[in-house]
Amino acid sequence: MNRVAPYVTPLIPAFAVIGFFVWFSNWIPQTRWQAPQAQTINASLTPAELAKVGQTIVRERGCLACHTIEPGAGVKGAGRGPNLAGVATRRAQGVEGGLGNLVEYLAQSLYEPGAYLVEGFANIMPPSTSAPASLSYEEVVAVVAYLQSLGKTPTVKVGDIPNPRGARATGEAAAPATGATADPAAMFVSLGCEACHSLKPGEVKLGPALDVPSMKEAASQRRMSIEAYFVESIVDPKAYERKGFPSGVMPLDYGTRLTAAQLDSLMRYLITSRLERQ
């Protein structure tokens, strides 16, 4: 024992320090992250309840990447799209020469955003039932209720507005992309990619341009091949988000909606064929 003491004694302070930090780390209250719960929307919800759900949807589906909610700023605001604050008051009578009441106007704005353009704004918004928002019918109703609440009392309930042909119900998986493998250019359009991304170098939309030099640079930052970076960006867009662009806008379900053949076809269209032309 006496022979061991000279070796153990100098280590006692180190053991004491380690023991303290082990105790302290376990003493600190622990928190556990919980994944966001899916929104439950059904016909029993009141307009006020729907409006609360709609507010969450507007914030989570990237609507505020283009629209702002700036009280007192009028229709312009500081966004790429019209300011949503007070929209219910401004559009209480619908639009001149078009739909004549607020609910119809708001529904059309979500289903057919190009049908009526606010002066000074470009036709850049895709239908809300397609990418990137991909709203179900019930989610559209909830968003309409929320927009109603921005200036008026919400009144709309599930079933009060038309369900356009092809709109999915809440909980129903988005339909897989079909018929586009042979025509990746058409797939680029049908998936809504062109609404957020440009193929022209330096032309910035909501998301980064998809020109080969830009993608090469991003792939280099990830220490990946450009092909691997492209696949990751499609199937796991949260893995790496470019600085200077809004977070959480890219749909998360392309990995399940696209077949391997479709993904390969799109990659060859956006990367391989353009690399060969350089």
Protein backbone atom coordinates (compact mmCIF):
# COMPACT_ATOMS: atom_id res chain seq x y z
CA MET A 1 0.00 0.00 0.00
CA ASN A 2 2.85 2.36 0.89
CA ARG A 3 4.41 1.68 -2.49
CA VAL A 4 1.21 2.73 -4.33
CA ALA A 5 0.59 5.89 -2.29
CA PRO A 6 3.24 8.05 -4.02
CA TYR A 7 1.49 7.40 -7.35
CA VAL A 8 -2.11 7.75 -6.20
CA THR A 9 -1.77 10.80 -3.97
CA PRO A 10 -0.96 13.29 -6.81
CA LEU A 11 -4.04 12.08 -8.69
CA ILE A 12 -6.51 12.77 -5.89
CA PRO A 13 -7.09 16.45 -6.89
CA ALA A 14 -7.76 15.39 -10.48
CA PHE A 15 -10.27 12.76 -9.34
CA ALA A 16 -11.94 15.37 -7.12
CA VAL A 17 -12.29 17.82 -10.03
CA ILE A 18 -13.68 15.13 -12.37
CA GLY A 19 -16.11 13.98 -9.68
CA PHE A 20 -17.34 17.53 -9.14
CA PHE A 21 -18.07 18.07 -12.85
CA VAL A 22 -19.83 14.69 -13.11
CA TRP A 23 -22.02 15.62 -10.14
CA PHE A 24 -22.63 19.15 -11.47
CA SER A 25 -23.61 17.98 -14.97
CA ASN A 26 -26.15 15.58 -13.47
CA TRP A 27 -27.45 18.20 -11.06
CA ILE A 28 -28.33 20.66 -13.86
CA PRO A 29 -32.00 20.21 -14.91
CA GLN A 30 -32.14 18.26 -18.14
CA THR A 31 -34.36 19.20 -21.07
CA ARG A 32 -35.58 16.92 -23.79
CA TRP A 33 -36.35 18.07 -27.32
CA GLN A 34 -39.72 17.04 -28.64
CA ALA A 35 -40.50 16.94 -32.34
CA PRO A 36 -43.28 19.33 -33.44
CA GLN A 37 -46.69 17.72 -33.25
CA ALA A 38 -48.76 17.44 -36.40
CA GLN A 39 -51.60 19.92 -36.60
CA THR A 40 -55.02 18.33 -36.10
CA ILE A 41 -57.65 20.06 -38.23
CA ASN A 42 -61.25 18.91 -38.45
CA ALA A 43 -64.75 20.28 -38.91
CA SER A 44 -65.28 20.67 -35.16
CA LEU A 45 -62.74 23.50 -34.84
CA THR A 46 -64.14 26.98 -34.40
CA PRO A 47 -62.95 29.83 -36.67
CA ALA A 48 -60.85 31.21 -33.79
CA GLU A 49 -59.21 27.80 -33.26
CA LEU A 50 -58.58 27.46 -36.98
CA ALA A 51 -56.97 30.90 -37.02
CA LYS A 52 -54.47 29.81 -34.35
CA VAL A 53 -53.57 26.74 -36.39
CA GLY A 54 -53.33 28.91 -39.50
CA GLN A 55 -50.89 31.25 -37.78
CA THR A 56 -48.59 28.30 -37.05
CA ILE A 57 -48.84 27.10 -40.65
CA VAL A 58 -47.99 30.53 -42.04
CA ARG A 59 -44.86 30.67 -39.90
CA GLU A 60 -43.76 27.07 -40.49
CA ARG A 61 -44.38 26.77 -44.25
CA GLY A 62 -42.20 29.69 -45.30
CA CYS A 63 -44.95 32.22 -46.09
CA LEU A 64 -43.08 34.90 -44.14
CA ALA A 65 -40.04 34.46 -46.34
CA CYS A 66 -41.86 36.70 -48.84
CA HIS A 67 -44.71 38.30 -46.89
CA THR A 68 -44.37 40.52 -43.85
CA ILE A 69 -46.78 41.34 -41.04
CA GLU A 70 -46.12 45.03 -40.40
CA PRO A 71 -48.99 46.93 -38.78
CA GLY A 72 -49.29 50.44 -40.16
CA ALA A 73 -47.07 49.79 -43.19
CA GLY A 74 -49.90 49.45 -45.69
CA VAL A 75 -49.91 46.95 -48.53
CA LYS A 76 -46.25 47.46 -49.42
CA GLY A 77 -44.33 46.62 -46.29
CA ALA A 78 -40.75 45.48 -46.76
CA GLY A 79 -41.27 42.02 -48.24
CA ARG A 80 -41.19 40.45 -51.69
CA GLY A 81 -44.94 39.92 -51.35
CA PRO A 82 -47.75 42.15 -50.01
CA ASN A 83 -47.83 42.99 -46.32
CA LEU A 84 -50.37 40.73 -44.60
CA ALA A 85 -51.13 43.08 -41.69
CA GLY A 86 -54.67 44.42 -42.12
CA VAL A 87 -55.32 42.32 -45.24
CA ALA A 88 -58.85 41.51 -44.02
CA THR A 89 -59.71 45.19 -43.76
CA ARG A 90 -58.14 46.09 -47.11
CA ARG A 91 -59.87 43.25 -48.97
CA ALA A 92 -63.19 43.11 -47.10
CA GLN A 93 -65.02 43.70 -50.39
CA GLY A 94 -62.80 41.44 -52.46
CA VAL A 95 -61.24 43.06 -55.53
CA GLU A 96 -62.70 45.28 -58.20
CA GLY A 97 -63.80 43.24 -61.19
CA GLY A 98 -63.10 40.00 -59.33
CA LEU A 99 -64.35 38.04 -56.36
CA GLY A 100 -66.57 40.19 -54.19
CA ASN A 101 -66.01 39.06 -50.61
CA LEU A 102 -63.08 38.51 -48.29
CA VAL A 103 -63.23 34.71 -47.93
CA GLU A 104 -63.47 34.12 -51.68
CA TYR A 105 -60.61 36.55 -52.30
CA LEU A 106 -58.35 34.90 -49.71
CA ALA A 107 -59.14 31.40 -50.99
CA GLN A 108 -58.39 32.42 -54.57
CA SER A 109 -55.16 34.08 -53.43
CA LEU A 110 -54.02 30.72 -52.04
CA TYR A 111 -55.32 28.48 -54.83
CA GLU A 112 -54.66 30.80 -57.79
CA PRO A 113 -52.25 33.52 -56.63
CA GLY A 114 -51.73 34.77 -60.17
CA ALA A 115 -55.45 35.48 -60.73
CA TYR A 116 -55.14 38.90 -59.11
CA LEU A 117 -51.82 40.65 -58.53
CA VAL A 118 -51.44 43.52 -56.11
CA GLU A 119 -49.97 46.48 -57.97
CA GLY A 120 -46.21 46.60 -57.68
CA PHE A 121 -45.72 42.87 -57.05
CA ALA A 122 -44.62 40.20 -59.52
CA ASN A 123 -46.38 36.89 -60.16
CA ILE A 124 -43.89 34.80 -58.16
CA MET A 125 -46.12 32.90 -55.73
CA PRO A 126 -46.89 29.26 -56.61
CA PRO A 127 -50.29 27.81 -55.64
CA SER A 128 -50.23 27.06 -51.92
CA THR A 129 -51.33 23.47 -52.56
CA SER A 130 -48.08 22.84 -54.47
CA ALA A 131 -44.46 23.11 -53.35
CA PRO A 132 -43.01 24.64 -51.31
CA ALA A 133 -46.02 25.14 -48.98
CA SER A 134 -47.94 22.02 -50.12
CA LEU A 135 -51.04 22.84 -48.06
CA SER A 136 -53.90 20.40 -47.69
CA TYR A 137 -57.49 21.59 -48.04
CA GLU A 138 -57.96 21.84 -44.27
CA GLU A 139 -54.70 23.77 -43.94
CA VAL A 140 -55.88 26.22 -46.59
CA VAL A 141 -59.04 26.82 -44.55
CA ALA A 142 -56.93 27.40 -41.41
CA VAL A 143 -54.73 29.91 -43.24
CA VAL A 144 -57.82 31.73 -44.58
CA ALA A 145 -59.15 31.95 -41.01
CA TYR A 146 -55.83 33.37 -39.82
CA LEU A 147 -55.72 35.94 -42.63
CA GLN A 148 -59.30 36.90 -41.74
CA SER A 149 -58.12 37.55 -38.19
CA LEU A 150 -55.62 40.14 -39.44
CA GLY A 151 -58.11 42.96 -39.32
CA LYS A 152 -61.43 41.21 -38.74
CA THR A 153 -62.99 38.38 -36.74
CA PRO A 154 -62.48 34.99 -38.43
CA THR A 155 -65.70 33.29 -39.56
CA VAL A 156 -64.63 30.51 -41.93
CA LYS A 157 -64.88 26.82 -41.00
CA VAL A 158 -63.90 23.58 -42.72
CA GLY A 159 -66.37 23.07 -45.56
CA ASP A 160 -67.09 26.77 -46.11
CA ILE A 161 -64.75 27.19 -49.07
CA PRO A 162 -64.41 25.00 -52.16
CA ASN A 163 -62.03 22.06 -52.16
CA PRO A 164 -60.24 22.35 -55.50
CA ARG A 165 -59.83 19.27 -57.58
CA GLY A 166 -56.66 17.44 -56.63
CA ALA A 167 -56.15 19.07 -53.23
CA ARG A 168 -55.17 16.44 -50.68
CA ALA A 169 -56.71 16.06 -47.25
CA THR A 170 -54.72 16.63 -44.06
CA GLY A 171 -52.68 13.53 -43.22
CA GLU A 172 -52.73 12.30 -46.80
CA ALA A 173 -49.23 11.91 -48.23
CA ALA A 174 -48.28 14.13 -51.13
CA ALA A 175 -48.57 12.32 -54.42
CA PRO A 176 -45.29 11.06 -55.85
CA ALA A 177 -43.97 12.85 -58.89
CA THR A 178 -44.90 10.87 -61.99
CA GLY A 179 -44.26 11.01 -65.71
CA ALA A 180 -41.27 13.33 -65.36
CA THR A 181 -38.32 10.93 -65.53
CA ALA A 182 -37.98 11.34 -69.28
CA ASP A 183 -38.36 15.11 -69.09
CA PRO A 184 -36.44 16.56 -66.14
CA ALA A 185 -37.05 20.11 -67.38
CA ALA A 186 -40.78 19.54 -66.95
CA MET A 187 -40.13 17.99 -63.53
CA PHE A 188 -38.20 21.10 -62.48
CA VAL A 189 -41.33 23.12 -63.24
CA SER A 190 -43.94 20.68 -61.90
CA LEU A 191 -42.18 20.34 -58.54
CA GLY A 192 -42.21 24.11 -58.12
CA CYS A 193 -38.40 24.42 -58.20
CA GLU A 194 -38.44 27.42 -60.53
CA ALA A 195 -40.51 29.43 -58.05
CA CYS A 196 -37.56 29.55 -55.64
CA HIS A 197 -34.47 28.76 -57.73
CA SER A 198 -33.00 30.22 -60.90
CA LEU A 199 -30.81 28.34 -63.36
CA LYS A 200 -29.05 31.57 -64.32
CA PRO A 201 -25.75 32.39 -62.57
CA GLY A 202 -26.15 35.21 -60.09
CA GLU A 203 -29.94 35.43 -60.38
CA VAL A 204 -31.24 35.07 -56.84
CA LYS A 205 -34.85 34.25 -56.06
CA LEU A 206 -36.12 32.96 -52.72
CA GLY A 207 -33.45 30.24 -52.73
CA PRO A 208 -29.92 30.11 -54.15
CA ALA A 209 -29.31 29.88 -57.89
CA LEU A 210 -28.72 26.36 -59.23
CA ASP A 211 -25.93 27.23 -61.64
CA VAL A 212 -23.02 24.78 -61.60
CA PRO A 213 -20.37 27.19 -60.18
CA SER A 214 -22.60 28.05 -57.21
CA MET A 215 -23.35 24.40 -56.50
CA LYS A 216 -19.64 23.52 -56.84
CA GLU A 217 -18.80 26.16 -54.26
CA ALA A 218 -21.46 24.93 -51.83
CA ALA A 219 -20.36 21.31 -52.35
CA SER A 220 -16.77 22.31 -51.62
CA GLN A 221 -17.84 23.91 -48.34
CA ARG A 222 -19.52 20.61 -47.44
CA ARG A 223 -16.45 18.67 -48.64
CA MET A 224 -18.69 16.65 -50.92
CA SER A 225 -18.88 15.93 -54.61
CA ILE A 226 -21.34 18.14 -56.45
CA GLU A 227 -23.52 15.08 -57.14
CA ALA A 228 -23.61 14.06 -53.46
CA TYR A 229 -24.34 17.65 -52.44
CA PHE A 230 -27.23 17.82 -54.91
CA VAL A 231 -28.80 14.62 -53.59
CA GLU A 232 -28.42 15.77 -49.97
CA SER A 233 -30.03 19.13 -50.82
CA ILE A 234 -33.08 17.35 -52.23
CA VAL A 235 -33.64 14.54 -49.75
CA ASP A 236 -32.34 16.27 -46.58
CA PRO A 237 -32.48 20.06 -47.12
CA LYS A 238 -32.12 20.81 -43.40
CA ALA A 239 -28.65 19.20 -43.36
CA TYR A 240 -27.09 22.35 -44.82
CA GLU A 241 -28.74 25.70 -45.49
CA ARG A 242 -26.90 28.43 -47.35
CA LYS A 243 -26.33 31.65 -45.42
CA GLY A 244 -28.40 34.62 -46.52
CA PHE A 245 -31.47 32.57 -47.47
CA PRO A 246 -34.59 31.89 -45.37
CA SER A 247 -34.53 28.70 -43.34
CA GLY A 248 -37.10 25.92 -43.51
CA VAL A 249 -38.64 26.84 -46.87
CA MET A 250 -37.45 23.85 -48.91
CA PRO A 251 -40.00 20.98 -48.71
CA LEU A 252 -38.80 18.00 -46.69
CA ASP A 253 -40.71 15.30 -48.59
CA TYR A 254 -38.95 15.20 -51.95
CA GLY A 255 -37.00 12.17 -50.77
CA THR A 256 -40.23 10.18 -50.58
CA ARG A 257 -41.98 11.81 -53.54
CA LEU A 258 -39.18 11.21 -56.05
CA THR A 259 -38.07 7.81 -57.21
CA ALA A 260 -34.35 7.09 -57.54
CA ALA A 261 -34.71 7.28 -61.32
CA GLN A 262 -36.40 10.68 -61.14
CA LEU A 263 -33.77 12.01 -58.76
CA ASP A 264 -31.00 10.78 -61.05
CA SER A 265 -32.72 12.30 -64.09
CA LEU A 266 -33.08 15.67 -62.37
CA MET A 267 -29.46 15.60 -61.22
CA ARG A 268 -28.21 14.85 -64.73
CA TYR A 269 -30.31 17.70 -66.09
CA LEU A 270 -29.09 20.24 -63.53
CA ILE A 271 -25.47 19.11 -63.18
CA THR A 272 -24.06 16.53 -65.57
CA SER A 273 -25.39 17.91 -68.85
CA ARG A 274 -24.32 21.44 -67.91
CA LEU A 275 -20.86 20.29 -66.80
CA GLU A 276 -20.41 18.61 -70.16
CA ARG A 277 -21.26 21.85 -71.96
CA GLN A 278 -18.63 23.83 -70.05
